Amino acid sequence: MNPLRALCRVTVAALAGFALVARATDTPPRLGVDASPSLKTPASPSSTLGPKGFLSRWLLLEPIPGDGRVIDSAVQAAAKKEYFPNQFTILPRAGDKETVNGADYLWHAIDTIHHNVNLYHFAYFLGKPRSNVVFWGVTIIESPEETSGVRLAVGSNAGSVWWVNGQEVVSIYGDRQTSIDDGVSPKLTLKKGPNIVRFLVVQNGGMVDCCARFLDANDQPLTQLTQTLTMPSP
């Protein structure tokens, strides 16, 4: 065989192999949340907090297309936009569906094994977009007693808005890395029993994650709380 022709065949084969690898990397198979190295499906109805108090159990909605802008006005506009009905009051179950602009998005129950919720892993291992999207998350915090003077402390990459019992309490703006307690709410009161925490994270590109915990009046993490994803029966 002509040496030049053989070299061309090898080069074409190598480029084809590279393209296959690139496509596999860009569009992973739909492996599901449990394929993620940082997330898993909850195995029990409720969970207790770790010694640092980070909220680890969430219902996450598959990422919805957004414009990727993370300045304060854009994040607030994203937080006020109606993506699906009852988005500030809904308490979904895993597998529930929301329809946004004719496309369907599912809710997934997750536990994170780290202090942060890796939303990039969440999207990647579902085969979903990771850039120019918004993520919704919701969880239920069970408090053994009414606790006043607490604050919600959060971090996110990139912009985010957080609500407790329907009230916006803290926001973070800009293209930033997630830092523990990067944004802290004013003092608030957790009711005895269930309290609902909700977030919106606005993603532009690259890594995306968030973290949250409650701090007591002495800025120490609240650890006596439990988390669940369903409201208790009356």
Protein backbone atom coordinates (compact mmCIF):
# COMPACT_ATOMS: atom_id res chain seq x y z
CA MET A 1 0.00 0.00 0.00
CA ASN A 2 1.15 3.49 -0.77
CA PRO A 3 2.68 4.87 2.50
CA LEU A 4 0.96 8.21 2.06
CA ARG A 5 -2.44 6.53 1.57
CA ALA A 6 -1.88 4.40 4.66
CA LEU A 7 -1.01 7.48 6.72
CA CYS A 8 -4.18 9.21 5.50
CA ARG A 9 -6.29 6.20 6.52
CA VAL A 10 -4.76 6.21 10.01
CA THR A 11 -5.31 9.94 10.36
CA VAL A 12 -8.96 9.71 9.25
CA ALA A 13 -9.57 6.82 11.66
CA ALA A 14 -7.99 8.75 14.52
CA LEU A 15 -10.09 11.84 13.80
CA ALA A 16 -13.24 9.72 13.64
CA GLY A 17 -12.39 8.16 16.98
CA PHE A 18 -11.76 11.59 18.47
CA ALA A 19 -15.13 12.81 17.19
CA LEU A 20 -16.88 9.83 18.77
CA VAL A 21 -15.20 10.49 22.11
CA ALA A 22 -16.07 14.19 21.90
CA ARG A 23 -19.71 13.40 21.16
CA ALA A 24 -19.82 10.94 24.05
CA THR A 25 -18.37 13.56 26.35
CA ASP A 26 -20.67 16.34 25.21
CA THR A 27 -23.84 14.25 25.30
CA PRO A 28 -23.66 11.56 27.99
CA PRO A 29 -26.12 8.68 28.02
CA ARG A 30 -29.17 9.13 30.25
CA LEU A 31 -27.70 7.29 33.18
CA GLY A 32 -29.79 8.90 35.89
CA VAL A 33 -29.01 10.68 39.14
CA ASP A 34 -27.50 7.62 40.84
CA ALA A 35 -24.70 7.54 38.26
CA SER A 36 -23.42 10.84 39.68
CA PRO A 37 -20.43 10.63 42.05
CA SER A 38 -22.02 13.23 44.34
CA LEU A 39 -25.78 12.58 44.24
CA LYS A 40 -28.05 9.65 45.02
CA THR A 41 -31.74 8.87 45.28
CA PRO A 42 -33.02 9.15 48.87
CA ALA A 43 -33.40 5.77 50.56
CA SER A 44 -35.57 6.87 53.50
CA PRO A 45 -38.56 9.19 54.04
CA SER A 46 -36.53 11.73 56.05
CA SER A 47 -32.93 12.58 56.84
CA THR A 48 -31.10 14.29 59.67
CA LEU A 49 -28.55 17.03 59.16
CA GLY A 50 -24.84 16.47 59.55
CA PRO A 51 -22.68 18.22 62.15
CA LYS A 52 -22.28 21.30 59.93
CA GLY A 53 -26.00 21.61 59.26
CA PHE A 54 -25.99 21.64 55.44
CA LEU A 55 -29.29 20.89 53.71
CA SER A 56 -28.64 17.72 51.74
CA ARG A 57 -32.04 16.52 50.50
CA TRP A 58 -33.83 18.29 47.66
CA LEU A 59 -36.36 17.95 44.91
CA LEU A 60 -34.69 19.36 41.79
CA LEU A 61 -36.38 20.25 38.53
CA GLU A 62 -34.53 19.44 35.32
CA PRO A 63 -32.84 22.61 34.03
CA ILE A 64 -35.02 25.08 32.13
CA PRO A 65 -33.53 27.26 29.36
CA GLY A 66 -32.49 30.74 30.51
CA ASP A 67 -30.46 33.63 29.16
CA GLY A 68 -27.41 33.05 31.38
CA ARG A 69 -27.21 36.61 32.69
CA VAL A 70 -26.24 36.77 36.36
CA ILE A 71 -26.18 40.49 37.20
CA ASP A 72 -28.58 41.44 39.98
CA SER A 73 -31.36 42.78 37.74
CA ALA A 74 -31.24 39.70 35.49
CA VAL A 75 -31.31 37.25 38.41
CA GLN A 76 -34.24 39.10 39.97
CA ALA A 77 -36.03 39.09 36.61
CA ALA A 78 -35.48 35.34 36.35
CA ALA A 79 -36.85 34.89 39.88
CA LYS A 80 -39.99 36.85 39.03
CA LYS A 81 -40.64 35.16 35.70
CA GLU A 82 -43.41 32.55 35.67
CA TYR A 83 -41.94 29.37 34.22
CA PHE A 84 -44.73 27.03 35.34
CA PRO A 85 -47.94 27.42 37.38
CA ASN A 86 -47.70 27.73 41.17
CA GLN A 87 -43.89 27.72 41.08
CA PHE A 88 -43.68 29.49 44.45
CA THR A 89 -46.15 27.22 46.24
CA ILE A 90 -45.86 23.85 44.53
CA LEU A 91 -44.71 20.86 46.59
CA PRO A 92 -43.95 18.32 43.88
CA ARG A 93 -43.16 14.64 44.17
CA ALA A 94 -40.37 12.84 42.37
CA GLY A 95 -41.50 12.13 38.82
CA ASP A 96 -43.96 15.02 38.66
CA LYS A 97 -43.81 16.98 35.42
CA GLU A 98 -43.79 20.69 34.62
CA THR A 99 -44.40 22.00 31.10
CA VAL A 100 -42.46 25.09 30.07
CA ASN A 101 -42.90 26.52 26.55
CA GLY A 102 -44.22 23.19 25.32
CA ALA A 103 -41.36 21.08 26.75
CA ASP A 104 -41.65 18.76 29.74
CA TYR A 105 -39.32 18.79 32.74
CA LEU A 106 -39.33 16.25 35.58
CA TRP A 107 -38.72 16.64 39.30
CA HIS A 108 -36.07 14.37 40.84
CA ALA A 109 -35.47 13.56 44.52
CA ILE A 110 -31.78 13.70 45.45
CA ASP A 111 -29.47 13.45 48.42
CA THR A 112 -26.05 15.04 48.10
CA ILE A 113 -23.12 13.31 49.76
CA HIS A 114 -21.18 16.59 50.04
CA HIS A 115 -22.02 19.93 51.63
CA ASN A 116 -22.96 21.34 48.22
CA VAL A 117 -25.56 20.27 45.67
CA ASN A 118 -23.70 19.68 42.42
CA LEU A 119 -26.20 20.88 39.83
CA TYR A 120 -23.71 20.25 37.03
CA HIS A 121 -23.64 16.56 37.97
CA PHE A 122 -27.42 16.57 38.23
CA ALA A 123 -27.84 17.87 34.68
CA TYR A 124 -24.91 15.97 33.15
CA PHE A 125 -25.97 12.53 34.34
CA LEU A 126 -29.50 13.14 33.08
CA GLY A 127 -28.15 14.18 29.70
CA LYS A 128 -29.51 17.72 30.14
CA PRO A 129 -28.00 21.12 29.20
CA ARG A 130 -25.61 22.71 31.70
CA SER A 131 -25.25 26.21 30.23
CA ASN A 132 -27.70 29.13 30.03
CA VAL A 133 -30.27 27.38 32.21
CA VAL A 134 -32.07 27.86 35.51
CA PHE A 135 -32.53 25.28 38.25
CA TRP A 136 -35.38 25.09 40.75
CA GLY A 137 -35.06 23.25 44.06
CA VAL A 138 -37.36 22.75 47.04
CA THR A 139 -37.15 20.94 50.37
CA ILE A 140 -39.09 20.70 53.63
CA ILE A 141 -37.35 21.40 56.94
CA GLU A 142 -38.92 19.92 60.09
CA SER A 143 -38.15 21.95 63.20
CA PRO A 144 -38.84 20.34 66.62
CA GLU A 145 -39.83 23.73 68.02
CA GLU A 146 -40.35 27.32 66.98
CA THR A 147 -36.89 28.86 66.63
CA SER A 148 -36.40 32.61 66.25
CA GLY A 149 -33.30 34.61 65.38
CA VAL A 150 -32.05 32.11 62.79
CA ARG A 151 -30.62 32.97 59.40
CA LEU A 152 -30.39 31.09 56.13
CA ALA A 153 -26.77 31.07 54.93
CA VAL A 154 -26.17 30.13 51.29
CA GLY A 155 -23.61 29.94 48.53
CA SER A 156 -24.04 29.42 44.81
CA ASN A 157 -22.34 29.35 41.44
CA ALA A 158 -23.61 31.56 39.86
CA GLY A 159 -26.61 33.75 40.82
CA SER A 160 -29.38 32.52 43.09
CA VAL A 161 -32.53 33.54 44.98
CA TRP A 162 -33.80 31.74 48.11
CA TRP A 163 -37.19 31.66 49.81
CA VAL A 164 -38.29 30.40 53.24
CA ASN A 165 -42.00 29.78 53.75
CA GLY A 166 -42.82 31.81 50.66
CA GLN A 167 -40.74 34.87 51.54
CA GLU A 168 -37.61 35.83 49.60
CA VAL A 169 -34.85 36.01 52.22
CA VAL A 170 -31.46 36.10 50.47
CA SER A 171 -30.01 36.49 46.96
CA ILE A 172 -26.54 36.21 45.40
CA TYR A 173 -25.52 37.80 42.12
CA GLY A 174 -22.66 37.71 39.64
CA ASP A 175 -20.41 35.09 38.08
CA ARG A 176 -18.97 33.68 41.30
CA GLN A 177 -17.77 30.47 42.89
CA THR A 178 -19.77 28.77 45.63
CA SER A 179 -18.54 29.78 49.07
CA ILE A 180 -20.01 28.59 52.35
CA ASP A 181 -22.22 31.25 53.97
CA ASP A 182 -21.53 33.65 51.10
CA GLY A 183 -24.98 35.20 51.48
CA VAL A 184 -26.85 35.37 54.79
CA SER A 185 -30.49 36.29 55.29
CA PRO A 186 -31.87 38.68 57.91
CA LYS A 187 -33.00 36.99 61.11
CA LEU A 188 -36.16 34.92 60.70
CA THR A 189 -38.26 32.41 62.61
CA LEU A 190 -38.62 28.74 61.78
CA LYS A 191 -42.05 27.43 62.68
CA LYS A 192 -42.48 24.31 64.76
CA GLY A 193 -43.06 21.55 62.23
CA PRO A 194 -42.59 21.89 58.46
CA ASN A 195 -40.88 24.88 56.83
CA ILE A 196 -40.42 25.14 53.08
CA VAL A 197 -37.11 26.24 51.54
CA ARG A 198 -36.97 26.98 47.82
CA PHE A 199 -34.22 28.19 45.50
CA LEU A 200 -33.62 29.34 41.94
CA VAL A 201 -30.07 29.13 40.57
CA VAL A 202 -29.23 31.00 37.35
CA GLN A 203 -26.42 29.36 35.39
CA ASN A 204 -24.37 30.82 32.56
CA GLY A 205 -21.61 28.29 31.85
CA GLY A 206 -19.12 25.96 33.52
CA MET A 207 -19.59 24.53 36.99
CA VAL A 208 -22.86 25.13 38.82
CA ASP A 209 -23.72 24.18 42.40
CA CYS A 210 -25.11 25.60 45.63
CA CYS A 211 -25.20 25.03 49.38
CA ALA A 212 -27.40 26.14 52.27
CA ARG A 213 -27.74 25.80 56.02
CA PHE A 214 -29.45 27.56 58.91
CA LEU A 215 -27.40 29.40 61.53
CA ASP A 216 -28.64 30.06 65.05
CA ALA A 217 -28.51 33.37 66.94
CA ASN A 218 -24.84 32.69 67.74
CA ASP A 219 -23.97 31.95 64.08
CA GLN A 220 -23.64 28.23 64.80
CA PRO A 221 -25.21 25.70 62.41
CA LEU A 222 -28.61 24.33 63.36
CA THR A 223 -28.29 20.55 63.42
CA GLN A 224 -31.48 19.48 65.22
CA LEU A 225 -33.55 19.87 62.03
CA THR A 226 -34.68 17.03 59.78
CA GLN A 227 -35.42 17.08 56.08
CA THR A 228 -38.20 15.46 54.11
CA LEU A 229 -39.74 15.89 50.68
CA THR A 230 -43.39 15.41 51.60
CA MET A 231 -45.61 17.30 54.00
CA PRO A 232 -46.69 15.31 57.08
CA SER A 233 -50.30 14.17 57.27
CA PRO A 234 -52.58 16.51 59.27
